[in-house]
Structure formats: C-alpha cells, structure tokens
Amino acid sequence: MPLDFEGRVFHSQDGGAGWLRVGNSGLGEGGSAGFFLAEGWLYVISYGGGIVRSRDGGHHWTVATTGLTQSAVLALVPGQASLLIGTPDGVYRSENRGRFWTKSSSGLDAATSERVAMDAGDARLIYAGGGPYASHDGGATWQLVDTPIGFGAPAIATAPHRAGVAFVGGWGLTRTKDGGASWASWNAAASSNCAVIRDIIVSPAGDAVYASGLEVNGQCLQEPGTCLNLVSRDGGRTFDCDVTPEAGWPLKVLAVGPSGAAYAAAQTEAGFAFYRRRPQDRQWQLLTRQIYPSAIALDPTNEARIYAGDLISGSFARSNDGGRTWEFTGLQSGAAGIGSIIVDPSRPDRIYVATGDGVFISADRGSTWNTLGTRLIDVIPTQLVLDLRESSLYLATQESGILRLRPLP
C-alpha cells in the first residue's frame, strides 16, 4: 500500500499489478517514510513529518500526533503492549494505538546518547552514553549519572559476564561494580588532557577491557607519553597504555572474541588496516588491508567467522578464515554506513545489522536480508544491543535517542 507525493493512498489486491486509490492520508506532499500494521490499525509516517492512522484499510485517516512536541517522526517500531516512535526530540510511547503519545526517553538527551549497554544481571537496568544516563525501568525513564569524570562522557559499556559492572569513558575512565550505586575514581593512566575515550570494549569471558577511538587535540601526538589506546588485564581495576602497530595512529578496537582475541581497525600512513591480537601475541598482527570495518561481529560458535561493515565499499562483508580474506554480500549500508552488527547467540545464523537505511535481519549468515521494523529516515545508527531476556532490540543513534523493537520476530 503506497502513498504518493500528494498524500493519496493506493491499494493492490493482485500483487501490485494494478492499483486503486482508497483515500487520502492528509499528510500532503512528501510521500511515505513507512507503513506499519498493528492490531487492525494502519499507521503511516511521512518524509515531511507527521503520523496518521486508519482503521478501515486506508479509506479514512486521523492524525495521530497528540502529545508530540514536533511532527518529524523518524521511525515507528512495535512494542509488546505499546508503540514506540523515534523523533529528533527523543523516543515516545503510545499505550492506546497512537491516540496519545508520551515521551519514553524522559531525562535522556537524544542528541548526545550514541551508546547503549545492558546490565548482565538486571534486564531493567540500561545505560546510555552522553551523560551518562541510567534507566531502571527498561528505558521508559532516564536519570543523569554523576561519575568522577564528570558529565558528557560518550562511551559506555557493561561486562557481559558480570552483573552490576559498567564502564564510562570520556576525559578518563571510571567503573561501577554495584549497578551504578558507586563509581571508582578514575585511573591515572587514563587521565589525559589530549584525548577523549569514545569506545569501550569488554571481553565476553576474560578480564580484558579496551578503551579506544580517542580524539586527539592539538599537538598532543608529539608529546612524550601520549597514550592513544588503553588496555586493562584485570577487569578494569588498572589500565596501561596499549602499544599501537604504527606509532601515532590510534586503533579502534571493535570486538573481543570468546578466546580473548581482540580485533581492531586503523587508518594509517600505509592505508586502511584490520588487526588481531590473541592473548599470546605481544603485538597487534595485521590481517588485511582489504577492508576498513566500521563495525564487526563474531560468530559465537566459530570465531573464525567474522562479519563486518566495510567503509571502503559501503557493503556488508564476511570472512571464514579469521579475517584474512573477505566476501562481500548484496547489503549496502547507505550514506550513514553500517553502525552496528549483532549475531544472535541462540541462533548464530541470524544476524542484525543497523545501517543508515534501517535495521536489517538475515537468517542465513548474511546471504539474504529483510528489513526489520519500519524503515528509518535521517537516522544515523551507532549501536545495536540484543536482549533475549526481554525479547528486545535496542538501537542507539546520533541525534534521535534510543529506539527499541519488541517483541523480536
């Protein structure tokens, strides 16, 4: 059922061979950004902003924006007992099929929250970067968290195997071991007036913690002792400077596998590079210059099988030999690139990918793809988090806050 650029709605009963006009959505110029059918109601959001709903297959429409502070609706996703929409002002929830909307990101600054992390023990405890922020009710409301490194910290991560443990990074690093009730003083090795920690990766099994993606100011690279990457071998109690393969070029650590092997990307003087370091390796080992990953994910049943979003080609890629050679599939990332990849640990053949065109799902390890939920418009994805306990998929974005899809298909 499409919507043309004048807001008119058409319906086909023969697989798209012929079309009949059934009504006018009232959205005016701009065309549709997405359709969604739930409990007999048809919802339409438009490129020009706004959302309408119909109970009779599109013949008659009513505006469904009551409670929204602005009409620009970027995404609509199903909730278990509600609807969620993403807007530039944050996330909104409706418990009555879109008749009225209430903000579901209360207390969250959508413009700065680009990272999201789930506690390993409490399914209701969620952290978001940019504040940092914490939610104790599954993302319905958020509170700003006061840490020793101050506010505005962009990086957030939790320990996948330790309940209550979370890390926050910005101008330094801090850690909680009690679900955010208290935070350890920041480590001296992480204190630098030169760099901001943008990403934190925690080993899924061991005690390794990597802090990377640092932004360097001024002439700091030329100062003695400048640390571009940090690594901890004791679960985050202490951090040391991590030696990079090519001096002066910071690494972006992307993932750590169950074996303890870490994978990282860098843009160096010699070109793009993809590295690996196993626990027995003293230095990072170059795997290939064939790709420059923006995000990767490892198959939990076979660490040699790696999936990546390639910034060079803009494509999804996969490797079956530990990252030395790559095969590119038909999924293109769009202008915003592939921001995050997740492999379902309960079904390793199922992969979720967040791109500038929306979230996609593959049931055959990336050979074929289908759109998951409503197409996202003007959303830049930064991170996907899968919570099988609550059958939920969370998407952190630039400017559009935290989006949630529940239940999963």
Protein backbone atom coordinates (compact mmCIF):
# COMPACT_ATOMS: atom_id res chain seq x y z
CA MET A 1 0.00 0.00 0.00
CA PRO A 2 1.93 3.08 -1.19
CA LEU A 3 1.46 6.80 -0.59
CA ASP A 4 2.18 9.21 -3.43
CA PHE A 5 3.75 12.65 -3.10
CA GLU A 6 0.34 14.30 -2.63
CA GLY A 7 -0.59 12.08 0.29
CA ARG A 8 -3.02 9.83 -1.63
CA VAL A 9 -3.17 6.17 -0.58
CA PHE A 10 -3.41 3.28 -3.06
CA HIS A 11 -4.19 -0.41 -2.55
CA SER A 12 -3.44 -3.50 -4.65
CA GLN A 13 -5.13 -6.92 -4.41
CA ASP A 14 -3.18 -8.61 -7.22
CA GLY A 15 0.41 -8.46 -6.02
CA GLY A 16 0.99 -4.95 -7.35
CA ALA A 17 -0.13 -5.48 -10.98
CA GLY A 18 -2.95 -2.97 -10.54
CA TRP A 19 -3.68 -0.21 -8.01
CA LEU A 20 -6.81 1.53 -6.72
CA ARG A 21 -6.95 4.78 -4.81
CA VAL A 22 -8.62 4.18 -1.45
CA GLY A 23 -8.22 7.51 0.32
CA ASN A 24 -6.03 10.46 1.23
CA SER A 25 -3.81 10.29 4.29
CA GLY A 26 -3.85 14.04 4.80
CA LEU A 27 -0.06 14.13 5.10
CA GLY A 28 0.28 16.27 2.00
CA GLU A 29 3.47 16.49 -0.02
CA GLY A 30 6.48 14.33 0.71
CA GLY A 31 5.36 10.73 0.34
CA SER A 32 5.53 7.95 2.90
CA ALA A 33 8.52 7.08 5.04
CA GLY A 34 6.92 3.87 6.24
CA PHE A 35 3.79 1.83 6.92
CA PHE A 36 3.04 -0.26 9.98
CA LEU A 37 0.06 -2.55 10.71
CA ALA A 38 -0.77 -3.43 14.32
CA GLU A 39 -3.96 -4.87 15.81
CA GLY A 40 -6.05 -3.87 12.78
CA TRP A 41 -4.72 -0.29 12.63
CA LEU A 42 -2.65 1.04 9.72
CA TYR A 43 -0.08 3.72 10.59
CA VAL A 44 1.75 5.93 8.08
CA ILE A 45 4.67 8.29 8.71
CA SER A 46 5.78 10.71 6.01
CA TYR A 47 9.07 12.14 4.81
CA GLY A 48 7.74 15.59 5.58
CA GLY A 49 6.96 14.62 9.19
CA GLY A 50 3.78 13.54 10.92
CA ILE A 51 1.91 10.32 11.58
CA VAL A 52 -1.66 9.27 10.74
CA ARG A 53 -3.66 6.09 11.37
CA SER A 54 -6.55 4.30 9.69
CA ARG A 55 -8.98 1.65 10.98
CA ASP A 56 -10.64 0.84 7.62
CA GLY A 57 -7.76 -0.12 5.33
CA GLY A 58 -6.83 3.44 4.36
CA HIS A 59 -10.23 4.84 3.37
CA HIS A 60 -10.33 7.30 6.27
CA TRP A 61 -7.46 8.74 8.30
CA THR A 62 -6.99 10.61 11.55
CA VAL A 63 -3.93 12.50 12.74
CA ALA A 64 -2.03 10.68 15.49
CA THR A 65 0.39 13.29 16.82
CA THR A 66 -1.26 14.30 20.10
CA GLY A 67 1.38 14.63 22.77
CA LEU A 68 4.33 15.02 20.37
CA THR A 69 6.40 18.18 20.66
CA GLN A 70 7.20 18.18 16.93
CA SER A 71 5.81 16.48 13.85
CA ALA A 72 9.03 15.00 12.46
CA VAL A 73 8.65 11.25 13.07
CA LEU A 74 11.79 9.34 12.08
CA ALA A 75 10.84 5.76 12.95
CA LEU A 76 7.96 3.67 14.28
CA VAL A 77 8.59 0.34 16.00
CA PRO A 78 6.26 -2.14 17.70
CA GLY A 79 6.25 -2.61 21.45
CA GLN A 80 4.92 -5.59 23.35
CA ALA A 81 1.90 -3.64 24.59
CA SER A 82 2.61 -0.29 23.01
CA LEU A 83 4.01 1.60 20.03
CA LEU A 84 7.34 3.42 20.09
CA ILE A 85 8.41 6.18 17.69
CA GLY A 86 11.74 7.95 17.31
CA THR A 87 11.88 11.70 16.76
CA PRO A 88 14.66 14.32 16.87
CA ASP A 89 13.34 15.10 20.34
CA GLY A 90 13.72 11.53 21.62
CA VAL A 91 11.59 8.40 21.97
CA TYR A 92 7.81 8.45 22.53
CA ARG A 93 5.45 5.68 23.61
CA SER A 94 1.73 5.16 23.00
CA GLU A 95 -0.37 2.74 25.04
CA ASN A 96 -3.58 3.42 23.07
CA ARG A 97 -2.68 2.69 19.42
CA GLY A 98 -1.32 6.15 18.66
CA ARG A 99 -4.22 8.21 20.04
CA PHE A 100 -1.87 9.86 22.52
CA TRP A 101 1.92 9.80 22.86
CA THR A 102 4.09 10.24 25.94
CA LYS A 103 7.84 10.67 25.95
CA SER A 104 9.63 7.37 26.60
CA SER A 105 13.09 8.92 26.92
CA SER A 106 12.30 11.13 29.85
CA GLY A 107 15.50 12.66 31.14
CA LEU A 108 17.56 11.49 28.14
CA ASP A 109 19.37 13.93 25.87
CA ALA A 110 18.73 12.36 22.46
CA ALA A 111 21.38 14.47 20.75
CA THR A 112 24.25 13.00 22.79
CA SER A 113 23.22 9.41 23.52
CA GLU A 114 25.05 7.34 20.91
CA ARG A 115 25.89 4.28 23.05
CA VAL A 116 23.65 1.91 24.99
CA ALA A 117 24.52 -1.03 27.24
CA MET A 118 22.51 -3.63 29.18
CA ASP A 119 23.41 -4.89 32.63
CA ALA A 120 24.30 -8.60 32.64
CA GLY A 121 22.07 -9.36 35.62
CA ASP A 122 19.21 -6.86 35.67
CA ALA A 123 17.19 -6.75 32.43
CA ARG A 124 15.61 -3.45 33.50
CA LEU A 125 18.94 -1.66 34.00
CA ILE A 126 20.14 0.12 30.85
CA TYR A 127 22.92 2.68 30.43
CA ALA A 128 23.24 5.32 27.70
CA GLY A 129 26.29 7.37 26.81
CA GLY A 130 26.43 11.13 26.56
CA GLY A 131 25.58 11.80 30.18
CA PRO A 132 25.99 9.12 31.11
CA TYR A 133 22.38 8.10 31.78
CA ALA A 134 20.80 5.12 33.50
CA SER A 135 17.31 3.63 33.26
CA HIS A 136 15.95 1.25 35.89
CA ASP A 137 12.64 0.61 34.12
CA GLY A 138 13.68 -0.81 30.76
CA GLY A 139 14.20 2.55 29.05
CA ALA A 140 10.92 4.28 29.97
CA THR A 141 12.67 6.95 32.06
CA TRP A 142 16.31 8.02 32.38
CA GLN A 143 18.41 9.71 35.03
CA LEU A 144 21.71 11.53 34.65
CA VAL A 145 24.51 9.66 36.43
CA ASP A 146 27.14 11.58 38.39
CA THR A 147 30.57 9.95 37.96
CA PRO A 148 34.10 11.02 38.97
CA ILE A 149 34.93 12.03 35.38
CA GLY A 150 32.02 14.45 35.12
CA PHE A 151 29.20 14.74 32.61
CA GLY A 152 29.17 14.49 28.82
CA ALA A 153 31.01 11.13 28.73
CA PRO A 154 30.24 9.50 25.35
CA ALA A 155 31.47 5.92 25.99
CA ILE A 156 29.54 3.29 27.95
CA ALA A 157 29.95 -0.48 28.27
CA THR A 158 28.93 -3.29 30.61
CA ALA A 159 30.68 -6.55 31.41
CA PRO A 160 28.76 -9.31 29.57
CA HIS A 161 29.57 -11.89 32.26
CA ARG A 162 29.48 -9.79 35.46
CA ALA A 163 26.22 -8.34 36.80
CA GLY A 164 26.43 -4.77 38.05
CA VAL A 165 29.72 -3.94 36.29
CA ALA A 166 29.78 -0.98 33.89
CA PHE A 167 32.42 1.38 32.47
CA VAL A 168 32.11 5.04 31.45
CA GLY A 169 34.69 6.85 29.33
CA GLY A 170 35.28 10.45 28.33
CA TRP A 171 38.06 12.58 29.76
CA GLY A 172 39.20 9.49 31.67
CA LEU A 173 37.66 6.20 32.77
CA THR A 174 35.50 5.11 35.69
CA ARG A 175 33.89 1.84 36.75
CA THR A 176 30.97 0.67 38.87
CA LYS A 177 30.65 -2.82 40.37
CA ASP A 178 27.28 -2.31 42.07
CA GLY A 179 24.91 -1.31 39.26
CA GLY A 180 25.77 2.38 39.40
CA ALA A 181 25.36 2.93 43.14
CA SER A 182 29.02 3.97 43.38
CA TRP A 183 31.82 4.66 40.92
CA ALA A 184 35.56 4.09 41.33
CA SER A 185 37.91 7.04 40.98
CA TRP A 186 39.32 7.38 37.51
CA ASN A 187 42.64 5.75 36.77
CA ALA A 188 45.74 7.94 36.44
CA ALA A 189 46.87 6.13 33.27
CA ALA A 190 43.62 7.13 31.63
CA SER A 191 43.88 10.81 32.51
CA SER A 192 44.91 12.87 29.54
CA ASN A 193 44.24 16.42 28.51
CA CYS A 194 44.80 15.30 24.93
CA ALA A 195 42.26 12.57 24.27
CA VAL A 196 38.61 11.66 24.75
CA ILE A 197 37.67 7.99 25.03
CA ARG A 198 34.93 7.22 22.51
CA ASP A 199 34.60 3.43 22.75
CA ILE A 200 35.00 0.76 25.44
CA ILE A 201 35.06 -2.95 24.60
CA VAL A 202 34.85 -5.57 27.37
CA SER A 203 35.93 -9.16 26.83
CA PRO A 204 32.92 -11.54 26.92
CA ALA A 205 34.78 -14.08 29.04
CA GLY A 206 38.14 -12.83 30.37
CA ASP A 207 39.31 -9.72 32.20
CA ALA A 208 40.46 -7.64 29.22
CA VAL A 209 38.98 -4.18 28.73
CA TYR A 210 39.96 -1.94 25.80
CA ALA A 211 39.40 1.83 25.59
CA SER A 212 39.88 3.30 22.15
CA GLY A 213 38.58 5.63 19.48
CA LEU A 214 40.34 8.53 21.17
CA GLU A 215 40.16 12.04 19.74
CA VAL A 216 43.47 13.86 20.00
CA ASN A 217 43.67 17.63 20.40
CA GLY A 218 46.35 19.96 19.14
CA GLN A 219 49.93 18.76 19.17
CA CYS A 220 49.38 16.01 21.75
CA LEU A 221 50.65 13.29 19.43
CA GLN A 222 54.11 14.84 19.61
CA GLU A 223 54.22 15.00 23.40
CA PRO A 224 56.19 12.28 25.24
CA GLY A 225 53.99 9.69 26.92
CA THR A 226 50.85 10.46 24.92
CA CYS A 227 48.58 7.41 25.16
CA LEU A 228 46.21 6.80 22.25
CA ASN A 229 44.75 3.47 23.43
CA LEU A 230 44.29 1.87 26.84
CA VAL A 231 44.07 -1.77 27.91
CA SER A 232 43.26 -3.46 31.21
CA ARG A 233 44.08 -7.08 32.05
CA ASP A 234 42.41 -7.11 35.46
CA GLY A 235 38.79 -6.33 34.65
CA GLY A 236 39.23 -2.56 34.65
CA ARG A 237 40.91 -2.10 38.03
CA THR A 238 44.02 -0.65 36.34
CA PHE A 239 44.80 0.45 32.79
CA ASP A 240 48.04 0.68 30.84
CA CYS A 241 48.93 2.34 27.57
CA ASP A 242 48.36 -0.07 24.68
CA VAL A 243 51.15 -0.09 22.11
CA THR A 244 49.74 0.52 18.62
CA PRO A 245 51.15 -1.22 15.48
CA GLU A 246 52.14 2.04 13.80
CA ALA A 247 53.24 4.89 16.06
CA GLY A 248 50.98 7.91 16.01
CA TRP A 249 47.97 6.12 14.55
CA PRO A 250 45.25 5.20 17.09
CA LEU A 251 43.37 1.90 16.88
CA LYS A 252 39.64 1.44 17.14
CA VAL A 253 39.09 -1.85 18.95
CA LEU A 254 35.86 -3.32 17.55
CA ALA A 255 35.34 -6.65 19.32
CA VAL A 256 36.85 -9.28 21.60
CA GLY A 257 36.06 -12.94 20.97
CA PRO A 258 35.43 -15.73 23.49
CA SER A 259 39.05 -16.84 23.04
CA GLY A 260 40.27 -13.43 24.17
CA ALA A 261 41.41 -12.38 20.69
CA ALA A 262 40.79 -8.68 20.04
CA TYR A 263 40.09 -7.15 16.63
CA ALA A 264 40.77 -3.53 15.66
CA ALA A 265 40.80 -1.18 12.68
CA ALA A 266 43.07 1.77 11.92
CA GLN A 267 43.70 4.32 9.23
CA THR A 268 47.47 4.55 8.93
CA GLU A 269 50.08 6.17 6.74
CA ALA A 270 50.21 2.94 4.70
CA GLY A 271 46.40 2.88 4.27
CA PHE A 272 43.48 1.12 5.92
CA ALA A 273 44.27 -1.84 8.17
CA PHE A 274 42.48 -4.58 10.11
CA TYR A 275 44.35 -6.15 13.05
CA ARG A 276 44.06 -9.02 15.54
CA ARG A 277 45.80 -9.67 18.83
CA ARG A 278 45.44 -13.00 20.62
CA PRO A 279 46.27 -13.40 24.31
CA GLN A 280 49.63 -14.97 23.42
CA ASP A 281 50.57 -12.15 20.99
CA ARG A 282 52.86 -9.40 22.27
CA GLN A 283 51.80 -7.04 19.46
CA TRP A 284 48.89 -6.44 17.12
CA GLN A 285 49.07 -8.56 13.95
CA LEU A 286 48.00 -7.20 10.55
CA LEU A 287 45.29 -9.40 8.99
CA THR A 288 44.39 -7.49 5.83
CA ARG A 289 44.13 -4.12 4.13
CA GLN A 290 41.21 -5.35 2.02
CA ILE A 291 38.59 -3.79 4.28
CA TYR A 292 38.25 -0.96 6.79
CA PRO A 293 35.50 -2.07 9.19
CA SER A 294 33.13 0.38 10.87
CA ALA A 295 31.68 -2.50 12.93
CA ILE A 296 32.24 -6.23 13.27
CA ALA A 297 30.64 -9.22 14.98
CA LEU A 298 31.96 -12.70 15.68
CA ASP A 299 30.04 -15.95 15.31
CA PRO A 300 29.79 -17.29 18.91
CA THR A 301 30.09 -20.88 17.65
CA ASN A 302 33.02 -20.26 15.29
CA GLU A 303 35.33 -17.32 15.98
CA ALA A 304 36.95 -17.70 12.56
CA ARG A 305 33.65 -16.50 11.05
CA ILE A 306 33.58 -12.70 11.22
CA TYR A 307 31.01 -10.22 9.88
CA ALA A 308 31.89 -6.60 9.10
CA GLY A 309 30.57 -3.35 7.72
CA ASP A 310 33.18 -2.07 5.25
CA LEU A 311 33.64 1.70 5.00
CA ILE A 312 35.59 1.38 1.73
CA SER A 313 32.87 -0.37 -0.31
CA GLY A 314 29.86 0.51 1.85
CA SER A 315 28.94 -3.19 1.93
CA PHE A 316 28.38 -5.98 4.41
CA ALA A 317 31.26 -8.47 4.34
CA ARG A 318 32.00 -11.84 5.92
CA SER A 319 35.13 -13.89 6.50
CA ASN A 320 35.51 -17.60 7.22
CA ASP A 321 39.24 -17.58 7.94
CA GLY A 322 39.55 -15.25 10.89
CA GLY A 323 39.56 -12.01 8.90
CA ARG A 324 42.31 -12.64 6.35
CA THR A 325 40.03 -12.80 3.29
CA TRP A 326 36.53 -11.37 2.79
CA GLU A 327 33.40 -11.96 0.73
CA PHE A 328 31.02 -9.07 0.07
CA THR A 329 27.24 -9.59 0.04
CA GLY A 330 24.46 -7.56 -1.54
CA LEU A 331 23.58 -5.49 1.54
CA GLN A 332 24.62 -1.86 1.06
CA SER A 333 24.96 0.42 4.06
CA GLY A 334 23.57 3.71 2.77
CA ALA A 335 25.08 7.12 3.40
CA ALA A 336 25.42 6.63 7.17
CA GLY A 337 27.31 3.34 6.85
CA ILE A 338 26.90 0.18 8.92
CA GLY A 339 26.86 1.35 12.50
CA SER A 340 26.48 -1.97 14.33
CA ILE A 341 26.25 -5.74 13.79
CA ILE A 342 24.94 -8.37 16.20
CA VAL A 343 24.84 -12.17 15.93
CA ASP A 344 22.03 -13.85 17.88
CA PRO A 345 23.86 -16.17 20.33
CA SER A 346 20.86 -18.51 20.50
CA ARG A 347 20.62 -18.72 16.69
CA PRO A 348 24.06 -17.93 15.17
CA ASP A 349 22.71 -18.00 11.62
CA ARG A 350 20.61 -14.90 12.48
CA ILE A 351 22.34 -11.52 12.11
CA TYR A 352 21.07 -8.00 12.84
CA VAL A 353 22.64 -5.01 11.05
CA ALA A 354 21.94 -1.30 11.62
CA THR A 355 22.54 0.96 8.61
CA GLY A 356 21.59 4.45 7.51
CA ASP A 357 18.57 2.92 5.75
CA GLY A 358 17.25 0.98 8.74
CA VAL A 359 17.76 -2.26 10.64
CA PHE A 360 18.06 -5.47 8.62
CA ILE A 361 17.91 -9.15 9.57
CA SER A 362 19.45 -12.19 7.89
CA ALA A 363 18.53 -15.78 8.72
CA ASP A 364 21.29 -17.34 6.60
CA ARG A 365 24.51 -15.73 7.87
CA GLY A 366 24.26 -12.72 5.60
CA SER A 367 23.40 -14.29 2.24
CA THR A 368 19.93 -12.67 2.08
CA TRP A 369 18.38 -9.79 4.00
CA ASN A 370 14.98 -8.44 5.07
CA THR A 371 14.06 -5.10 6.62
CA LEU A 372 13.27 -5.33 10.34
CA GLY A 373 10.51 -3.00 11.52
CA THR A 374 9.85 0.33 9.86
CA ARG A 375 12.44 1.94 7.62
CA LEU A 376 14.45 4.61 9.45
CA ILE A 377 14.73 8.05 7.86
CA ASP A 378 17.53 10.51 8.66
CA VAL A 379 18.76 8.27 11.48
CA ILE A 380 22.46 7.58 11.97
CA PRO A 381 22.84 4.27 13.85
CA THR A 382 25.69 3.81 16.32
CA GLN A 383 24.97 0.63 18.28
CA LEU A 384 22.61 -2.36 18.48
CA VAL A 385 22.02 -4.22 21.73
CA LEU A 386 20.10 -7.52 21.78
CA ASP A 387 18.30 -8.52 24.99
CA LEU A 388 16.91 -12.03 24.61
CA ARG A 389 15.60 -11.95 28.19
CA GLU A 390 13.06 -9.27 27.23
CA SER A 391 12.85 -10.18 23.51
CA SER A 392 14.02 -6.66 22.71
CA LEU A 393 16.41 -4.99 20.28
CA TYR A 394 17.74 -1.55 21.22
CA LEU A 395 19.23 0.89 18.70
CA ALA A 396 21.34 3.84 19.81
CA THR A 397 21.55 6.69 17.28
CA GLN A 398 23.06 10.08 16.69
CA GLU A 399 20.52 12.83 17.44
CA SER A 400 17.47 10.51 17.62
CA GLY A 401 17.98 8.89 21.02
CA ILE A 402 17.46 5.23 21.88
CA LEU A 403 14.93 3.20 19.86
CA ARG A 404 13.50 -0.18 20.89
CA LEU A 405 11.94 -3.01 18.91
CA ARG A 406 9.88 -5.51 20.95
CA PRO A 407 8.93 -8.33 20.62
CA LEU A 408 11.50 -9.74 18.22
CA PRO A 409 10.29 -11.74 15.21
